[in-house]
Amino acid sequence: MPEKDQPQPTEQRDEAPLDSPTGWVAAHIRRYDRSGGKEGQKWYGLDTLLLTTRGRKSGRLRRTAVIYGRDGGNIIVVGSNGGKPEHPLWYLNLVASPEAHVQIGEEHLDVRARTATAEEKPELWKLMTGLFPQYKSYQKKTDREIPVVILEPVDK
């Protein structure tokens, strides 16, 4: 549960997020952000969004770009971290504080994140590996179970 004194998603727009420290990701975010979402939504032909989470240790907003898919009205992302042994920081932030914000093109949405259940994951994994087959090789590289995350839009 988020702490009471932490700003909620609708308050996030007043605070500038810290962008990913990874060079190519930061460049992608800058292009996406500076164009108001008109550029950068596609990355090598894949749909990407900007995900803003609340840092679980710092309390600061953190922003990254991730590949996404859709399942009905929900947005689906994968915490692959390139098959590294540890979860991506954005995923750990969502576990600690599931309220987040996404930008898809020019559209901005507040969302609530949850990890797909064991029953939900196979279908969503198939969806996401259909979009980006490399997720399969990432799963083979690591002993951890790569999480599939459901981002559910929050009514304002």
C-alpha atoms as a PDB file:
ATOM      1  CA  MET A   1       0.000   0.000   0.000  1.00  0.00           C
ATOM      2  CA  PRO A   2       1.285   3.483  -0.761  1.00  0.00           C
ATOM      3  CA  GLU A   3       1.997   5.676   2.221  1.00  0.00           C
ATOM      4  CA  LYS A   4      -0.562   8.372   2.952  1.00  0.00           C
ATOM      5  CA  ASP A   5       1.880  11.237   2.433  1.00  0.00           C
ATOM      6  CA  GLN A   6       3.050  10.046  -0.985  1.00  0.00           C
ATOM      7  CA  PRO A   7       1.512  11.924  -3.933  1.00  0.00           C
ATOM      8  CA  GLN A   8      -1.041   9.964  -5.886  1.00  0.00           C
ATOM      9  CA  PRO A   9      -0.988   9.608  -9.720  1.00  0.00           C
ATOM     10  CA  THR A  10      -3.030  12.712 -10.483  1.00  0.00           C
ATOM     11  CA  GLU A  11      -0.522  14.726  -8.428  1.00  0.00           C
ATOM     12  CA  GLN A  12       2.388  13.294 -10.430  1.00  0.00           C
ATOM     13  CA  ARG A  13       2.028  15.826 -13.228  1.00  0.00           C
ATOM     14  CA  ASP A  14       3.390  18.589 -10.977  1.00  0.00           C
ATOM     15  CA  GLU A  15       6.593  16.673 -10.182  1.00  0.00           C
ATOM     16  CA  ALA A  16       9.269  16.100 -12.829  1.00  0.00           C
ATOM     17  CA  PRO A  17      10.189  12.411 -13.037  1.00  0.00           C
ATOM     18  CA  LEU A  18      13.731  11.103 -13.071  1.00  0.00           C
ATOM     19  CA  ASP A  19      14.300   9.286 -16.345  1.00  0.00           C
ATOM     20  CA  SER A  20      16.011   5.943 -16.745  1.00  0.00           C
ATOM     21  CA  PRO A  21      19.779   6.246 -16.303  1.00  0.00           C
ATOM     22  CA  THR A  22      20.325   3.817 -19.207  1.00  0.00           C
ATOM     23  CA  GLY A  23      21.552   5.975 -22.097  1.00  0.00           C
ATOM     24  CA  TRP A  24      19.515   4.590 -24.994  1.00  0.00           C
ATOM     25  CA  VAL A  25      16.361   4.378 -22.849  1.00  0.00           C
ATOM     26  CA  ALA A  26      16.823   7.977 -21.663  1.00  0.00           C
ATOM     27  CA  ALA A  27      17.246   9.139 -25.272  1.00  0.00           C
ATOM     28  CA  HIS A  28      14.068   7.277 -26.250  1.00  0.00           C
ATOM     29  CA  ILE A  29      12.161   8.886 -23.364  1.00  0.00           C
ATOM     30  CA  ARG A  30      13.409  12.373 -24.302  1.00  0.00           C
ATOM     31  CA  ARG A  31      12.281  11.913 -27.921  1.00  0.00           C
ATOM     32  CA  TYR A  32       8.887  10.598 -26.786  1.00  0.00           C
ATOM     33  CA  ASP A  33       8.421  13.351 -24.191  1.00  0.00           C
ATOM     34  CA  ARG A  34       9.658  16.302 -26.272  1.00  0.00           C
ATOM     35  CA  SER A  35       7.331  15.415 -29.140  1.00  0.00           C
ATOM     36  CA  GLY A  36       4.332  15.078 -26.838  1.00  0.00           C
ATOM     37  CA  GLY A  37       4.102  11.422 -27.853  1.00  0.00           C
ATOM     38  CA  LYS A  38       4.068  12.070 -31.601  1.00  0.00           C
ATOM     39  CA  GLU A  39       7.501  10.420 -31.902  1.00  0.00           C
ATOM     40  CA  GLY A  40       8.953   7.506 -30.012  1.00  0.00           C
ATOM     41  CA  GLN A  41       5.830   5.448 -29.543  1.00  0.00           C
ATOM     42  CA  LYS A  42       7.329   2.947 -31.980  1.00  0.00           C
ATOM     43  CA  TRP A  43      10.723   1.455 -31.126  1.00  0.00           C
ATOM     44  CA  TYR A  44      12.035  -0.817 -33.885  1.00  0.00           C
ATOM     45  CA  GLY A  45       8.422  -1.373 -34.924  1.00  0.00           C
ATOM     46  CA  LEU A  46       7.240  -2.214 -31.404  1.00  0.00           C
ATOM     47  CA  ASP A  47       4.657  -0.205 -29.462  1.00  0.00           C
ATOM     48  CA  THR A  48       6.154   1.466 -26.408  1.00  0.00           C
ATOM     49  CA  LEU A  49       4.788   3.537 -23.575  1.00  0.00           C
ATOM     50  CA  LEU A  50       6.300   5.740 -20.926  1.00  0.00           C
ATOM     51  CA  LEU A  51       5.756   4.322 -17.455  1.00  0.00           C
ATOM     52  CA  THR A  52       6.065   6.566 -14.409  1.00  0.00           C
ATOM     53  CA  THR A  53       6.324   4.877 -11.024  1.00  0.00           C
ATOM     54  CA  ARG A  54       7.051   6.080  -7.500  1.00  0.00           C
ATOM     55  CA  GLY A  55      10.503   4.987  -6.279  1.00  0.00           C
ATOM     56  CA  ARG A  56      10.073   2.572  -3.403  1.00  0.00           C
ATOM     57  CA  LYS A  57      13.150   3.891  -1.583  1.00  0.00           C
ATOM     58  CA  SER A  58      13.477   7.500  -2.744  1.00  0.00           C
ATOM     59  CA  GLY A  59       9.792   8.369  -3.056  1.00  0.00           C
ATOM     60  CA  ARG A  60      10.685  10.206  -6.287  1.00  0.00           C
ATOM     61  CA  LEU A  61       8.924   9.679  -9.603  1.00  0.00           C
ATOM     62  CA  ARG A  62      10.825   7.409 -11.985  1.00  0.00           C
ATOM     63  CA  ARG A  63      10.119   7.119 -15.706  1.00  0.00           C
ATOM     64  CA  THR A  64      11.088   4.461 -18.205  1.00  0.00           C
ATOM     65  CA  ALA A  65       9.989   3.225 -21.618  1.00  0.00           C
ATOM     66  CA  VAL A  66       8.624  -0.286 -22.037  1.00  0.00           C
ATOM     67  CA  ILE A  67       7.081  -2.410 -24.764  1.00  0.00           C
ATOM     68  CA  TYR A  68       3.394  -3.003 -24.206  1.00  0.00           C
ATOM     69  CA  GLY A  69       0.437  -4.976 -25.461  1.00  0.00           C
ATOM     70  CA  ARG A  70      -3.285  -4.733 -24.861  1.00  0.00           C
ATOM     71  CA  ASP A  71      -5.722  -7.186 -23.366  1.00  0.00           C
ATOM     72  CA  GLY A  72      -9.162  -5.655 -23.606  1.00  0.00           C
ATOM     73  CA  GLY A  73      -8.985  -2.350 -21.769  1.00  0.00           C
ATOM     74  CA  ASN A  74      -5.843  -3.320 -19.865  1.00  0.00           C
ATOM     75  CA  ILE A  75      -2.244  -2.586 -20.779  1.00  0.00           C
ATOM     76  CA  ILE A  76       0.249  -5.433 -20.476  1.00  0.00           C
ATOM     77  CA  VAL A  77       3.993  -5.084 -19.824  1.00  0.00           C
ATOM     78  CA  VAL A  78       6.722  -7.612 -19.056  1.00  0.00           C
ATOM     79  CA  GLY A  79       9.365  -7.253 -16.331  1.00  0.00           C
ATOM     80  CA  SER A  80      12.077  -8.995 -18.335  1.00  0.00           C
ATOM     81  CA  ASN A  81      15.075  -6.793 -17.494  1.00  0.00           C
ATOM     82  CA  GLY A  82      16.771  -8.417 -20.488  1.00  0.00           C
ATOM     83  CA  GLY A  83      16.886 -11.757 -18.657  1.00  0.00           C
ATOM     84  CA  LYS A  84      19.049 -10.433 -15.818  1.00  0.00           C
ATOM     85  CA  PRO A  85      18.814 -12.248 -12.471  1.00  0.00           C
ATOM     86  CA  GLU A  86      16.996  -9.348 -10.799  1.00  0.00           C
ATOM     87  CA  HIS A  87      13.635  -7.773 -11.525  1.00  0.00           C
ATOM     88  CA  PRO A  88      13.662  -4.356 -13.180  1.00  0.00           C
ATOM     89  CA  LEU A  89      13.471  -1.493 -10.697  1.00  0.00           C
ATOM     90  CA  TRP A  90      10.216  -0.249 -12.221  1.00  0.00           C
ATOM     91  CA  TYR A  91       8.601  -3.599 -11.386  1.00  0.00           C
ATOM     92  CA  LEU A  92       9.817  -3.475  -7.777  1.00  0.00           C
ATOM     93  CA  ASN A  93       8.452   0.072  -7.549  1.00  0.00           C
ATOM     94  CA  LEU A  94       5.043  -1.108  -8.789  1.00  0.00           C
ATOM     95  CA  VAL A  95       4.975  -3.932  -6.258  1.00  0.00           C
ATOM     96  CA  ALA A  96       5.620  -1.382  -3.494  1.00  0.00           C
ATOM     97  CA  SER A  97       3.255   1.269  -4.875  1.00  0.00           C
ATOM     98  CA  PRO A  98       0.940   0.029  -7.653  1.00  0.00           C
ATOM     99  CA  GLU A  99      -0.462   3.427  -8.624  1.00  0.00           C
ATOM    100  CA  ALA A 100       1.357   4.672 -11.726  1.00  0.00           C
ATOM    101  CA  HIS A 101       0.988   6.765 -14.849  1.00  0.00           C
ATOM    102  CA  VAL A 102       1.447   5.824 -18.496  1.00  0.00           C
ATOM    103  CA  GLN A 103       1.766   7.818 -21.648  1.00  0.00           C
ATOM    104  CA  ILE A 104       0.837   6.047 -24.867  1.00  0.00           C
ATOM    105  CA  GLY A 105       1.445   8.375 -27.752  1.00  0.00           C
ATOM    106  CA  GLU A 106      -0.371  11.573 -26.824  1.00  0.00           C
ATOM    107  CA  GLU A 107      -2.682   9.833 -24.336  1.00  0.00           C
ATOM    108  CA  HIS A 108      -2.046   9.966 -20.571  1.00  0.00           C
ATOM    109  CA  LEU A 109      -3.605   7.434 -18.200  1.00  0.00           C
ATOM    110  CA  ASP A 110      -3.459   6.782 -14.484  1.00  0.00           C
ATOM    111  CA  VAL A 111      -3.213   3.046 -13.867  1.00  0.00           C
ATOM    112  CA  ARG A 112      -3.071   0.526 -11.073  1.00  0.00           C
ATOM    113  CA  ALA A 113      -0.595  -2.316 -11.552  1.00  0.00           C
ATOM    114  CA  ARG A 114      -0.810  -5.921 -10.522  1.00  0.00           C
ATOM    115  CA  THR A 115       1.217  -8.987 -11.391  1.00  0.00           C
ATOM    116  CA  ALA A 116      -0.684 -11.501 -13.505  1.00  0.00           C
ATOM    117  CA  THR A 117      -1.838 -14.542 -11.559  1.00  0.00           C
ATOM    118  CA  ALA A 118      -0.669 -18.046 -12.433  1.00  0.00           C
ATOM    119  CA  GLU A 119      -3.994 -18.540 -14.216  1.00  0.00           C
ATOM    120  CA  GLU A 120      -3.740 -15.292 -16.221  1.00  0.00           C
ATOM    121  CA  LYS A 121      -0.068 -15.434 -17.115  1.00  0.00           C
ATOM    122  CA  PRO A 122       0.032 -18.141 -19.843  1.00  0.00           C
ATOM    123  CA  GLU A 123      -2.371 -16.287 -22.137  1.00  0.00           C
ATOM    124  CA  LEU A 124      -0.725 -12.923 -21.489  1.00  0.00           C
ATOM    125  CA  TRP A 125       2.771 -14.401 -21.920  1.00  0.00           C
ATOM    126  CA  LYS A 126       1.673 -15.765 -25.296  1.00  0.00           C
ATOM    127  CA  LEU A 127       0.349 -12.321 -26.246  1.00  0.00           C
ATOM    128  CA  MET A 128       3.577 -10.579 -25.269  1.00  0.00           C
ATOM    129  CA  THR A 129       5.974 -13.150 -26.748  1.00  0.00           C
ATOM    130  CA  GLY A 130       3.945 -12.866 -29.939  1.00  0.00           C
ATOM    131  CA  LEU A 131       4.788  -9.164 -29.975  1.00  0.00           C
ATOM    132  CA  PHE A 132       8.406  -9.559 -28.822  1.00  0.00           C
ATOM    133  CA  PRO A 133       9.667 -13.166 -29.118  1.00  0.00           C
ATOM    134  CA  GLN A 134      12.937 -12.277 -27.379  1.00  0.00           C
ATOM    135  CA  TYR A 135      11.116 -12.488 -24.039  1.00  0.00           C
ATOM    136  CA  LYS A 136      11.352 -16.281 -24.409  1.00  0.00           C
ATOM    137  CA  SER A 137      15.151 -16.160 -24.608  1.00  0.00           C
ATOM    138  CA  TYR A 138      15.238 -13.769 -21.640  1.00  0.00           C
ATOM    139  CA  GLN A 139      13.260 -16.289 -19.575  1.00  0.00           C
ATOM    140  CA  LYS A 140      15.753 -19.028 -20.527  1.00  0.00           C
ATOM    141  CA  LYS A 141      18.656 -16.809 -19.354  1.00  0.00           C
ATOM    142  CA  THR A 142      17.356 -16.338 -15.825  1.00  0.00           C
ATOM    143  CA  ASP A 143      16.240 -18.487 -12.913  1.00  0.00           C
ATOM    144  CA  ARG A 144      13.649 -15.955 -11.791  1.00  0.00           C
ATOM    145  CA  GLU A 145      10.129 -16.063 -13.160  1.00  0.00           C
ATOM    146  CA  ILE A 146       9.711 -13.042 -15.398  1.00  0.00           C
ATOM    147  CA  PRO A 147       6.548 -11.239 -14.308  1.00  0.00           C
ATOM    148  CA  VAL A 148       3.770 -10.133 -16.603  1.00  0.00           C
ATOM    149  CA  VAL A 149       2.156  -6.965 -15.289  1.00  0.00           C
ATOM    150  CA  ILE A 150      -1.402  -5.832 -15.903  1.00  0.00           C
ATOM    151  CA  LEU A 151      -1.890  -2.072 -15.869  1.00  0.00           C
ATOM    152  CA  GLU A 152      -5.563  -1.360 -15.267  1.00  0.00           C
ATOM    153  CA  PRO A 153      -6.745   2.174 -16.117  1.00  0.00           C
ATOM    154  CA  VAL A 154      -8.124   4.044 -13.117  1.00  0.00           C
ATOM    155  CA  ASP A 155     -11.264   6.118 -13.476  1.00  0.00           C
ATOM    156  CA  LYS A 156     -10.720   9.698 -12.434  1.00  0.00           C
END
